[in-house]
Amino acid sequence: MSPQLGHDERFRLLYESHLDALRVYCLRRLDRDEAEDALAEIFAVAWRRLEKVPPGSEARLWLYGVARNVVRNSMRSTRRRARLANRVSGISDPPRPGPAETTMTRSEHADVLVALSKLRPGDQELLRLHAWEDLSRTEIARVFDISIAAVDMRLHRAIARMSVALDALAGEARSDSTRSAEDGGGQL
């Protein structure tokens, strides 16, 4: 974005250029209403801090960094509200599926989501940025504000942990099918 553009015009260009990608980012992590609120907050931050938004393609990475923080805050608020509601009601409702679970329905995708949920939040976000948002290692480094070497190391470790989690799920499935066969397969 050219520094000669006025504040309003710079923001409009930033908004139009990145709205769709950031909406997808939020919808993959939050339900529709929370995602729209998060999207509004991301662009409110961009409006307030427009002078800090880097030019060109760096703006997208800066916005992903803002989005990461906004989404984390939203998730934290949702968990707090759920805990409070459970304490107040004394009844623990089963958790409702998140946006990713709603989108992915095939069994192999479900296994990936279960395995992903067993990872630490940082590993989850790193893998999502890499696989879902298709960011390069350099771009992820900018979003996390770490070195490319650190991204490489964290990504390698996150993939290894994901592999272990998937193997554990496969082992549980084999165990369940063996037990089912030993029990007569549920037939009378």
Protein backbone atom coordinates (compact mmCIF):
# COMPACT_ATOMS: atom_id res chain seq x y z
CA MET A 1 0.00 0.00 0.00
CA SER A 2 1.32 3.36 -0.96
CA PRO A 3 2.11 5.76 1.89
CA GLN A 4 0.51 8.53 -0.22
CA LEU A 5 -2.91 6.96 0.21
CA GLY A 6 -5.09 8.37 2.96
CA HIS A 7 -5.90 6.39 6.09
CA ASP A 8 -9.39 5.46 4.86
CA GLU A 9 -8.18 4.33 1.45
CA ARG A 10 -5.28 2.30 2.89
CA PHE A 11 -7.69 0.57 5.26
CA ARG A 12 -10.23 -0.12 2.50
CA LEU A 13 -7.55 -1.75 0.34
CA LEU A 14 -6.28 -3.80 3.29
CA TYR A 15 -9.82 -4.89 4.15
CA GLU A 16 -10.77 -5.83 0.59
CA SER A 17 -7.50 -7.69 0.00
CA HIS A 18 -7.60 -9.86 3.11
CA LEU A 19 -11.21 -10.18 4.23
CA ASP A 20 -11.90 -13.54 2.59
CA ALA A 21 -8.73 -15.25 3.83
CA LEU A 22 -9.25 -14.00 7.38
CA ARG A 23 -12.93 -15.03 7.35
CA VAL A 24 -11.89 -18.58 6.39
CA TYR A 25 -9.20 -18.53 9.10
CA CYS A 26 -11.77 -17.55 11.74
CA LEU A 27 -14.48 -19.95 10.52
CA ARG A 28 -12.05 -22.85 10.77
CA ARG A 29 -11.53 -22.12 14.44
CA LEU A 30 -14.76 -20.56 15.74
CA ASP A 31 -18.49 -20.92 15.20
CA ARG A 32 -20.07 -18.52 12.69
CA ASP A 33 -21.14 -15.79 15.16
CA GLU A 34 -17.84 -15.85 17.05
CA ALA A 35 -15.93 -15.86 13.76
CA GLU A 36 -17.75 -12.75 12.55
CA ASP A 37 -17.07 -11.02 15.88
CA ALA A 38 -13.40 -12.01 15.65
CA LEU A 39 -13.21 -10.74 12.08
CA ALA A 40 -14.61 -7.39 13.18
CA GLU A 41 -12.08 -7.22 16.01
CA ILE A 42 -9.18 -8.06 13.67
CA PHE A 43 -10.07 -5.20 11.37
CA ALA A 44 -10.74 -2.87 14.31
CA VAL A 45 -7.17 -3.52 15.45
CA ALA A 46 -5.95 -2.94 11.89
CA TRP A 47 -7.87 0.36 11.76
CA ARG A 48 -6.42 1.56 15.07
CA ARG A 49 -2.88 0.44 14.24
CA LEU A 50 -2.86 1.07 10.48
CA GLU A 51 0.45 2.92 10.69
CA LYS A 52 2.04 -0.29 12.05
CA VAL A 53 0.68 -2.53 9.27
CA PRO A 54 3.61 -3.44 7.03
CA PRO A 55 3.33 -2.86 3.29
CA GLY A 56 2.64 -5.47 0.60
CA SER A 57 2.40 -9.17 1.37
CA GLU A 58 3.73 -8.58 4.89
CA ALA A 59 0.33 -7.05 5.74
CA ARG A 60 -1.34 -10.45 5.37
CA LEU A 61 1.09 -12.03 7.82
CA TRP A 62 0.64 -9.17 10.27
CA LEU A 63 -3.14 -9.68 10.06
CA TYR A 64 -2.73 -13.43 10.66
CA GLY A 65 -0.75 -12.59 13.80
CA VAL A 66 -3.57 -10.32 14.98
CA ALA A 67 -6.12 -12.99 14.02
CA ARG A 68 -4.25 -15.61 16.01
CA ASN A 69 -4.44 -13.48 19.15
CA VAL A 70 -8.08 -12.50 18.62
CA VAL A 71 -9.13 -16.13 18.03
CA ARG A 72 -7.20 -17.29 21.11
CA ASN A 73 -8.96 -14.67 23.22
CA SER A 74 -12.32 -15.69 21.80
CA MET A 75 -11.68 -19.36 22.54
CA ARG A 76 -10.58 -18.50 26.08
CA SER A 77 -13.77 -16.48 26.61
CA THR A 78 -15.90 -19.33 25.26
CA ARG A 79 -14.23 -21.81 27.63
CA ARG A 80 -14.75 -19.43 30.59
CA ARG A 81 -18.43 -18.98 29.72
CA ALA A 82 -18.89 -22.75 29.39
CA ARG A 83 -17.21 -23.40 32.76
CA LEU A 84 -19.34 -20.75 34.41
CA ALA A 85 -22.52 -22.09 32.84
CA ASN A 86 -21.63 -25.62 34.02
CA ARG A 87 -20.97 -24.40 37.55
CA VAL A 88 -24.19 -22.42 37.65
CA SER A 89 -26.36 -25.17 36.22
CA GLY A 90 -24.60 -28.06 37.92
CA ILE A 91 -25.16 -30.04 34.75
CA SER A 92 -22.35 -30.79 32.38
CA ASP A 93 -23.57 -30.73 28.80
CA PRO A 94 -21.51 -32.53 26.21
CA PRO A 95 -19.34 -30.11 24.27
CA ARG A 96 -20.83 -29.03 20.98
CA PRO A 97 -18.76 -29.74 17.92
CA GLY A 98 -16.55 -26.94 16.71
CA PRO A 99 -16.44 -25.59 13.18
CA ALA A 100 -13.73 -27.99 12.05
CA GLU A 101 -15.69 -31.00 13.30
CA THR A 102 -18.81 -29.75 11.55
CA THR A 103 -16.96 -29.27 8.27
CA MET A 104 -15.08 -32.55 8.27
CA THR A 105 -17.34 -35.57 8.39
CA ARG A 106 -15.46 -38.47 6.80
CA SER A 107 -13.98 -40.93 9.30
CA GLU A 108 -10.35 -40.36 8.29
CA HIS A 109 -10.87 -36.64 8.71
CA ALA A 110 -12.46 -37.24 12.08
CA ASP A 111 -9.37 -39.19 13.15
CA VAL A 112 -7.16 -36.28 12.10
CA LEU A 113 -9.29 -33.87 14.13
CA VAL A 114 -9.20 -36.13 17.19
CA ALA A 115 -5.43 -36.51 16.90
CA LEU A 116 -5.04 -32.76 16.38
CA SER A 117 -7.12 -32.05 19.49
CA LYS A 118 -4.69 -34.13 21.57
CA LEU A 119 -1.80 -31.80 20.69
CA ARG A 120 -0.82 -28.65 22.54
CA PRO A 121 -2.57 -25.48 21.30
CA GLY A 122 0.68 -24.12 19.84
CA ASP A 123 1.25 -27.31 17.84
CA GLN A 124 -2.36 -27.25 16.68
CA GLU A 125 -2.09 -23.68 15.43
CA LEU A 126 1.27 -24.32 13.75
CA LEU A 127 -0.14 -27.32 11.86
CA ARG A 128 -3.31 -25.44 10.95
CA LEU A 129 -1.37 -22.48 9.56
CA HIS A 130 0.81 -24.87 7.57
CA ALA A 131 -1.90 -27.23 6.29
CA TRP A 132 -5.15 -25.25 6.33
CA GLU A 133 -3.93 -21.72 5.61
CA ASP A 134 -1.09 -22.98 3.36
CA LEU A 135 1.44 -20.56 4.85
CA SER A 136 5.13 -21.09 4.12
CA ARG A 137 7.68 -21.60 6.88
CA THR A 138 8.81 -17.99 6.40
CA GLU A 139 5.24 -16.72 6.70
CA ILE A 140 4.60 -18.84 9.81
CA ALA A 141 7.77 -17.39 11.34
CA ARG A 142 6.33 -13.90 10.82
CA VAL A 143 2.95 -14.86 12.33
CA PHE A 144 4.55 -16.46 15.40
CA ASP A 145 7.32 -13.84 15.51
CA ILE A 146 10.02 -16.52 15.67
CA SER A 147 12.91 -17.55 13.42
CA ILE A 148 12.51 -19.85 10.43
CA ALA A 149 14.79 -22.35 12.19
CA ALA A 150 12.41 -22.34 15.16
CA VAL A 151 9.47 -22.91 12.81
CA ASP A 152 11.30 -25.83 11.20
CA MET A 153 12.03 -27.38 14.58
CA ARG A 154 8.50 -26.81 15.95
CA LEU A 155 6.88 -28.04 12.74
CA HIS A 156 9.03 -31.17 12.71
CA ARG A 157 8.13 -31.89 16.35
CA ALA A 158 4.43 -31.11 15.83
CA ILE A 159 4.25 -33.45 12.84
CA ALA A 160 5.98 -36.19 14.88
CA ARG A 161 3.52 -35.69 17.77
CA MET A 162 0.62 -35.73 15.31
CA SER A 163 1.91 -38.99 13.85
CA VAL A 164 2.10 -40.53 17.33
CA ALA A 165 -1.45 -39.37 18.09
CA LEU A 166 -2.73 -40.85 14.81
CA ASP A 167 -0.92 -44.14 15.49
CA ALA A 168 -2.47 -44.27 18.96
CA LEU A 169 -5.93 -43.77 17.46
CA ALA A 170 -5.30 -46.52 14.92
CA GLY A 171 -4.19 -48.80 17.77
CA GLU A 172 -7.36 -48.02 19.72
CA ALA A 173 -9.47 -48.79 16.65
CA ARG A 174 -7.70 -52.15 16.18
CA SER A 175 -8.25 -52.93 19.87
CA ASP A 176 -11.93 -52.07 19.61
CA SER A 177 -12.43 -54.23 16.54
CA THR A 178 -10.58 -57.15 18.17
CA ARG A 179 -12.76 -56.87 21.29
CA SER A 180 -15.86 -56.66 19.15
CA ALA A 181 -14.87 -59.80 17.24
CA GLU A 182 -14.13 -61.63 20.50
CA ASP A 183 -17.54 -60.62 21.82
CA GLY A 184 -19.18 -62.17 18.78
CA GLY A 185 -19.38 -58.94 16.85
CA GLY A 186 -22.45 -57.86 18.76
CA GLN A 187 -24.57 -60.66 17.29
CA LEU A 188 -26.92 -62.77 19.39
